[in-house]
C-alpha atoms as a PDB file:
ATOM      1  CA  MET A   1       5.246  14.916 -34.561  1.00  0.00           C
ATOM      2  CA  THR A   2       4.130  18.503 -35.179  1.00  0.00           C
ATOM      3  CA  ALA A   3       6.107  21.499 -33.938  1.00  0.00           C
ATOM      4  CA  PRO A   4       3.431  22.527 -31.374  1.00  0.00           C
ATOM      5  CA  VAL A   5       3.472  19.000 -29.923  1.00  0.00           C
ATOM      6  CA  GLU A   6       7.291  19.027 -29.808  1.00  0.00           C
ATOM      7  CA  ILE A   7       7.196  22.345 -27.928  1.00  0.00           C
ATOM      8  CA  ALA A   8       4.508  21.128 -25.511  1.00  0.00           C
ATOM      9  CA  ASP A   9       6.527  17.972 -24.803  1.00  0.00           C
ATOM     10  CA  ALA A  10       9.705  20.017 -24.272  1.00  0.00           C
ATOM     11  CA  ILE A  11       7.946  22.298 -21.774  1.00  0.00           C
ATOM     12  CA  ASP A  12       6.549  19.292 -19.903  1.00  0.00           C
ATOM     13  CA  ASP A  13      10.000  17.670 -19.822  1.00  0.00           C
ATOM     14  CA  MET A  14      11.601  20.874 -18.557  1.00  0.00           C
ATOM     15  CA  TYR A  15       9.268  21.027 -15.550  1.00  0.00           C
ATOM     16  CA  ALA A  16       9.618  17.282 -14.914  1.00  0.00           C
ATOM     17  CA  ALA A  17      13.393  17.866 -14.833  1.00  0.00           C
ATOM     18  CA  PHE A  18      12.908  20.666 -12.305  1.00  0.00           C
ATOM     19  CA  LEU A  19      10.884  18.375 -10.047  1.00  0.00           C
ATOM     20  CA  ALA A  20      13.555  15.682 -10.396  1.00  0.00           C
ATOM     21  CA  GLY A  21      16.297  18.178  -9.484  1.00  0.00           C
ATOM     22  CA  ASP A  22      17.984  17.562 -12.843  1.00  0.00           C
ATOM     23  CA  ARG A  23      19.421  20.985 -13.663  1.00  0.00           C
ATOM     24  CA  GLY A  24      21.309  19.725 -16.711  1.00  0.00           C
ATOM     25  CA  ARG A  25      18.149  18.334 -18.285  1.00  0.00           C
ATOM     26  CA  PHE A  26      16.231  21.495 -17.366  1.00  0.00           C
ATOM     27  CA  ASP A  27      18.947  23.709 -18.867  1.00  0.00           C
ATOM     28  CA  ALA A  28      18.993  21.683 -22.089  1.00  0.00           C
ATOM     29  CA  HIS A  29      15.697  23.451 -22.890  1.00  0.00           C
ATOM     30  CA  LEU A  30      17.228  26.924 -22.539  1.00  0.00           C
ATOM     31  CA  ASP A  31      19.194  28.901 -25.093  1.00  0.00           C
ATOM     32  CA  PRO A  32      22.519  30.213 -23.707  1.00  0.00           C
ATOM     33  CA  ASP A  33      21.256  33.766 -24.296  1.00  0.00           C
ATOM     34  CA  VAL A  34      17.828  33.187 -22.742  1.00  0.00           C
ATOM     35  CA  THR A  35      16.268  36.204 -21.076  1.00  0.00           C
ATOM     36  CA  THR A  36      14.316  35.360 -17.935  1.00  0.00           C
ATOM     37  CA  TRP A  37      11.735  37.751 -16.532  1.00  0.00           C
ATOM     38  CA  GLU A  38       9.809  36.361 -13.573  1.00  0.00           C
ATOM     39  CA  THR A  39       7.825  38.021 -10.810  1.00  0.00           C
ATOM     40  CA  HIS A  40       9.966  36.506  -8.048  1.00  0.00           C
ATOM     41  CA  LEU A  41      13.398  36.963  -9.648  1.00  0.00           C
ATOM     42  CA  PRO A  42      15.655  39.968  -9.081  1.00  0.00           C
ATOM     43  CA  GLY A  43      15.227  42.100 -12.200  1.00  0.00           C
ATOM     44  CA  PRO A  44      15.485  40.730 -15.702  1.00  0.00           C
ATOM     45  CA  LEU A  45      18.146  38.066 -16.100  1.00  0.00           C
ATOM     46  CA  ARG A  46      19.585  38.630 -19.555  1.00  0.00           C
ATOM     47  CA  THR A  47      21.586  35.416 -20.122  1.00  0.00           C
ATOM     48  CA  ARG A  48      21.723  31.884 -18.824  1.00  0.00           C
ATOM     49  CA  ALA A  49      24.972  32.808 -17.059  1.00  0.00           C
ATOM     50  CA  GLU A  50      23.045  35.433 -15.052  1.00  0.00           C
ATOM     51  CA  LEU A  51      20.316  32.860 -14.340  1.00  0.00           C
ATOM     52  CA  ASP A  52      22.966  30.358 -13.208  1.00  0.00           C
ATOM     53  CA  GLU A  53      24.531  32.931 -10.880  1.00  0.00           C
ATOM     54  CA  TYR A  54      21.131  33.611  -9.295  1.00  0.00           C
ATOM     55  CA  ARG A  55      20.367  29.876  -8.924  1.00  0.00           C
ATOM     56  CA  ASP A  56      23.800  29.108  -7.459  1.00  0.00           C
ATOM     57  CA  THR A  57      23.333  31.818  -4.817  1.00  0.00           C
ATOM     58  CA  ARG A  58      19.780  30.695  -4.058  1.00  0.00           C
ATOM     59  CA  ASP A  59      20.716  27.018  -3.826  1.00  0.00           C
ATOM     60  CA  ALA A  60      23.780  27.725  -1.642  1.00  0.00           C
ATOM     61  CA  ALA A  61      21.437  29.500   0.793  1.00  0.00           C
ATOM     62  CA  GLY A  62      19.179  26.423   0.900  1.00  0.00           C
ATOM     63  CA  ARG A  63      16.249  28.184  -0.743  1.00  0.00           C
ATOM     64  CA  ARG A  64      15.610  25.902  -3.725  1.00  0.00           C
ATOM     65  CA  PRO A  65      11.853  25.445  -4.055  1.00  0.00           C
ATOM     66  CA  VAL A  66      10.589  21.986  -3.109  1.00  0.00           C
ATOM     67  CA  LEU A  67       7.403  21.265  -4.994  1.00  0.00           C
ATOM     68  CA  ALA A  68       5.024  18.323  -5.011  1.00  0.00           C
ATOM     69  CA  GLU A  69       3.606  19.334  -8.398  1.00  0.00           C
ATOM     70  CA  MET A  70       4.641  21.589 -11.264  1.00  0.00           C
ATOM     71  CA  ALA A  71       2.523  21.387 -14.410  1.00  0.00           C
ATOM     72  CA  ALA A  72       1.983  23.542 -17.488  1.00  0.00           C
ATOM     73  CA  ARG A  73      -1.746  23.684 -18.229  1.00  0.00           C
ATOM     74  CA  ALA A  74      -4.005  25.373 -20.768  1.00  0.00           C
ATOM     75  CA  LYS A  75      -1.161  25.533 -23.285  1.00  0.00           C
ATOM     76  CA  ARG A  76      -1.582  27.596 -26.417  1.00  0.00           C
ATOM     77  CA  ILE A  77       1.273  27.213 -28.877  1.00  0.00           C
ATOM     78  CA  ASP A  78       1.827  28.914 -32.225  1.00  0.00           C
ATOM     79  CA  VAL A  79       4.707  28.244 -34.601  1.00  0.00           C
ATOM     80  CA  TRP A  80       6.043  30.282 -37.504  1.00  0.00           C
ATOM     81  CA  GLY A  81       8.880  28.427 -39.201  1.00  0.00           C
ATOM     82  CA  ASP A  82      11.677  28.054 -36.659  1.00  0.00           C
ATOM     83  CA  VAL A  83      10.058  30.332 -34.056  1.00  0.00           C
ATOM     84  CA  GLY A  84       7.365  29.341 -31.594  1.00  0.00           C
ATOM     85  CA  VAL A  85       5.450  31.044 -28.796  1.00  0.00           C
ATOM     86  CA  ALA A  86       3.960  29.056 -25.934  1.00  0.00           C
ATOM     87  CA  ARG A  87       1.494  30.593 -23.491  1.00  0.00           C
ATOM     88  CA  TYR A  88       0.307  28.571 -20.521  1.00  0.00           C
ATOM     89  CA  GLU A  89      -0.530  28.531 -16.841  1.00  0.00           C
ATOM     90  CA  LEU A  90       2.092  26.991 -14.582  1.00  0.00           C
ATOM     91  CA  HIS A  91       0.423  25.310 -11.607  1.00  0.00           C
ATOM     92  CA  CYS A  92       2.691  24.594  -8.639  1.00  0.00           C
ATOM     93  CA  ARG A  93       1.926  22.916  -5.333  1.00  0.00           C
ATOM     94  CA  ALA A  94       4.165  22.809  -2.289  1.00  0.00           C
ATOM     95  CA  GLU A  95       2.459  20.885   0.507  1.00  0.00           C
ATOM     96  CA  ASP A  96      -0.786  22.856   1.035  1.00  0.00           C
ATOM     97  CA  GLU A  97       0.239  25.969  -0.908  1.00  0.00           C
ATOM     98  CA  VAL A  98      -0.847  26.305  -4.536  1.00  0.00           C
ATOM     99  CA  SER A  99       0.263  28.971  -6.993  1.00  0.00           C
ATOM    100  CA  VAL A 100      -0.538  29.785 -10.595  1.00  0.00           C
ATOM    101  CA  THR A 101       1.799  31.697 -12.865  1.00  0.00           C
ATOM    102  CA  ARG A 102       1.032  33.017 -16.341  1.00  0.00           C
ATOM    103  CA  VAL A 103       3.916  32.153 -18.654  1.00  0.00           C
ATOM    104  CA  THR A 104       4.967  33.139 -22.148  1.00  0.00           C
ATOM    105  CA  ASP A 105       7.951  31.349 -23.674  1.00  0.00           C
ATOM    106  CA  VAL A 106       9.486  32.296 -27.017  1.00  0.00           C
ATOM    107  CA  LEU A 107      11.351  29.376 -28.571  1.00  0.00           C
ATOM    108  CA  ARG A 108      13.697  28.859 -31.491  1.00  0.00           C
ATOM    109  CA  ARG A 109      14.188  25.563 -33.312  1.00  0.00           C
ATOM    110  CA  THR A 110      17.830  24.464 -33.282  1.00  0.00           C
ATOM    111  CA  GLY A 111      19.575  21.332 -34.507  1.00  0.00           C
ATOM    112  CA  ASP A 112      18.987  19.884 -31.016  1.00  0.00           C
ATOM    113  CA  GLY A 113      15.290  20.758 -30.780  1.00  0.00           C
ATOM    114  CA  TRP A 114      13.367  23.728 -29.441  1.00  0.00           C
ATOM    115  CA  ARG A 115      15.175  26.100 -27.064  1.00  0.00           C
ATOM    116  CA  ILE A 116      13.613  28.871 -24.979  1.00  0.00           C
ATOM    117  CA  VAL A 117      15.100  32.245 -25.901  1.00  0.00           C
ATOM    118  CA  HIS A 118      12.752  34.330 -23.741  1.00  0.00           C
ATOM    119  CA  HIS A 119      10.799  33.287 -20.634  1.00  0.00           C
ATOM    120  CA  HIS A 120       8.319  35.708 -19.093  1.00  0.00           C
ATOM    121  CA  ALA A 121       6.343  34.634 -16.020  1.00  0.00           C
ATOM    122  CA  GLU A 122       3.965  36.544 -13.769  1.00  0.00           C
ATOM    123  CA  LEU A 123       2.517  35.186 -10.564  1.00  0.00           C
ATOM    124  CA  VAL A 124      -1.265  35.396 -10.515  1.00  0.00           C
ATOM    125  CA  ARG A 125      -2.214  37.091  -7.255  1.00  0.00           C
ATOM    126  CA  PRO A 126      -5.228  35.665  -5.403  1.00  0.00           C
END
């Protein structure tokens, strides 16, 4: 399997894990020092610990997103040695609401596979 295919499969598995509510499987795709910059998140989250703190607070308030679909489409993946960059559109559907987010993930190959070290996502406004 080529590195771009491995990365594409990892991204697809990460979002399948989100839909399944499997946080452990989702987090297995993230580096412990992942930076997370998303339109809807409070400021840049600079580590997975900061991301976990945000998610714990959100989930405790009953605000975890419930989606019918979450799919990475139009993927473009480049790899240079042990570093990869994936750009794609994340399509989400919750009942009758659909959203598209532009995503760039920077990944590093580790002994356990590809891990996201930087995630940048911007909601595409209608």
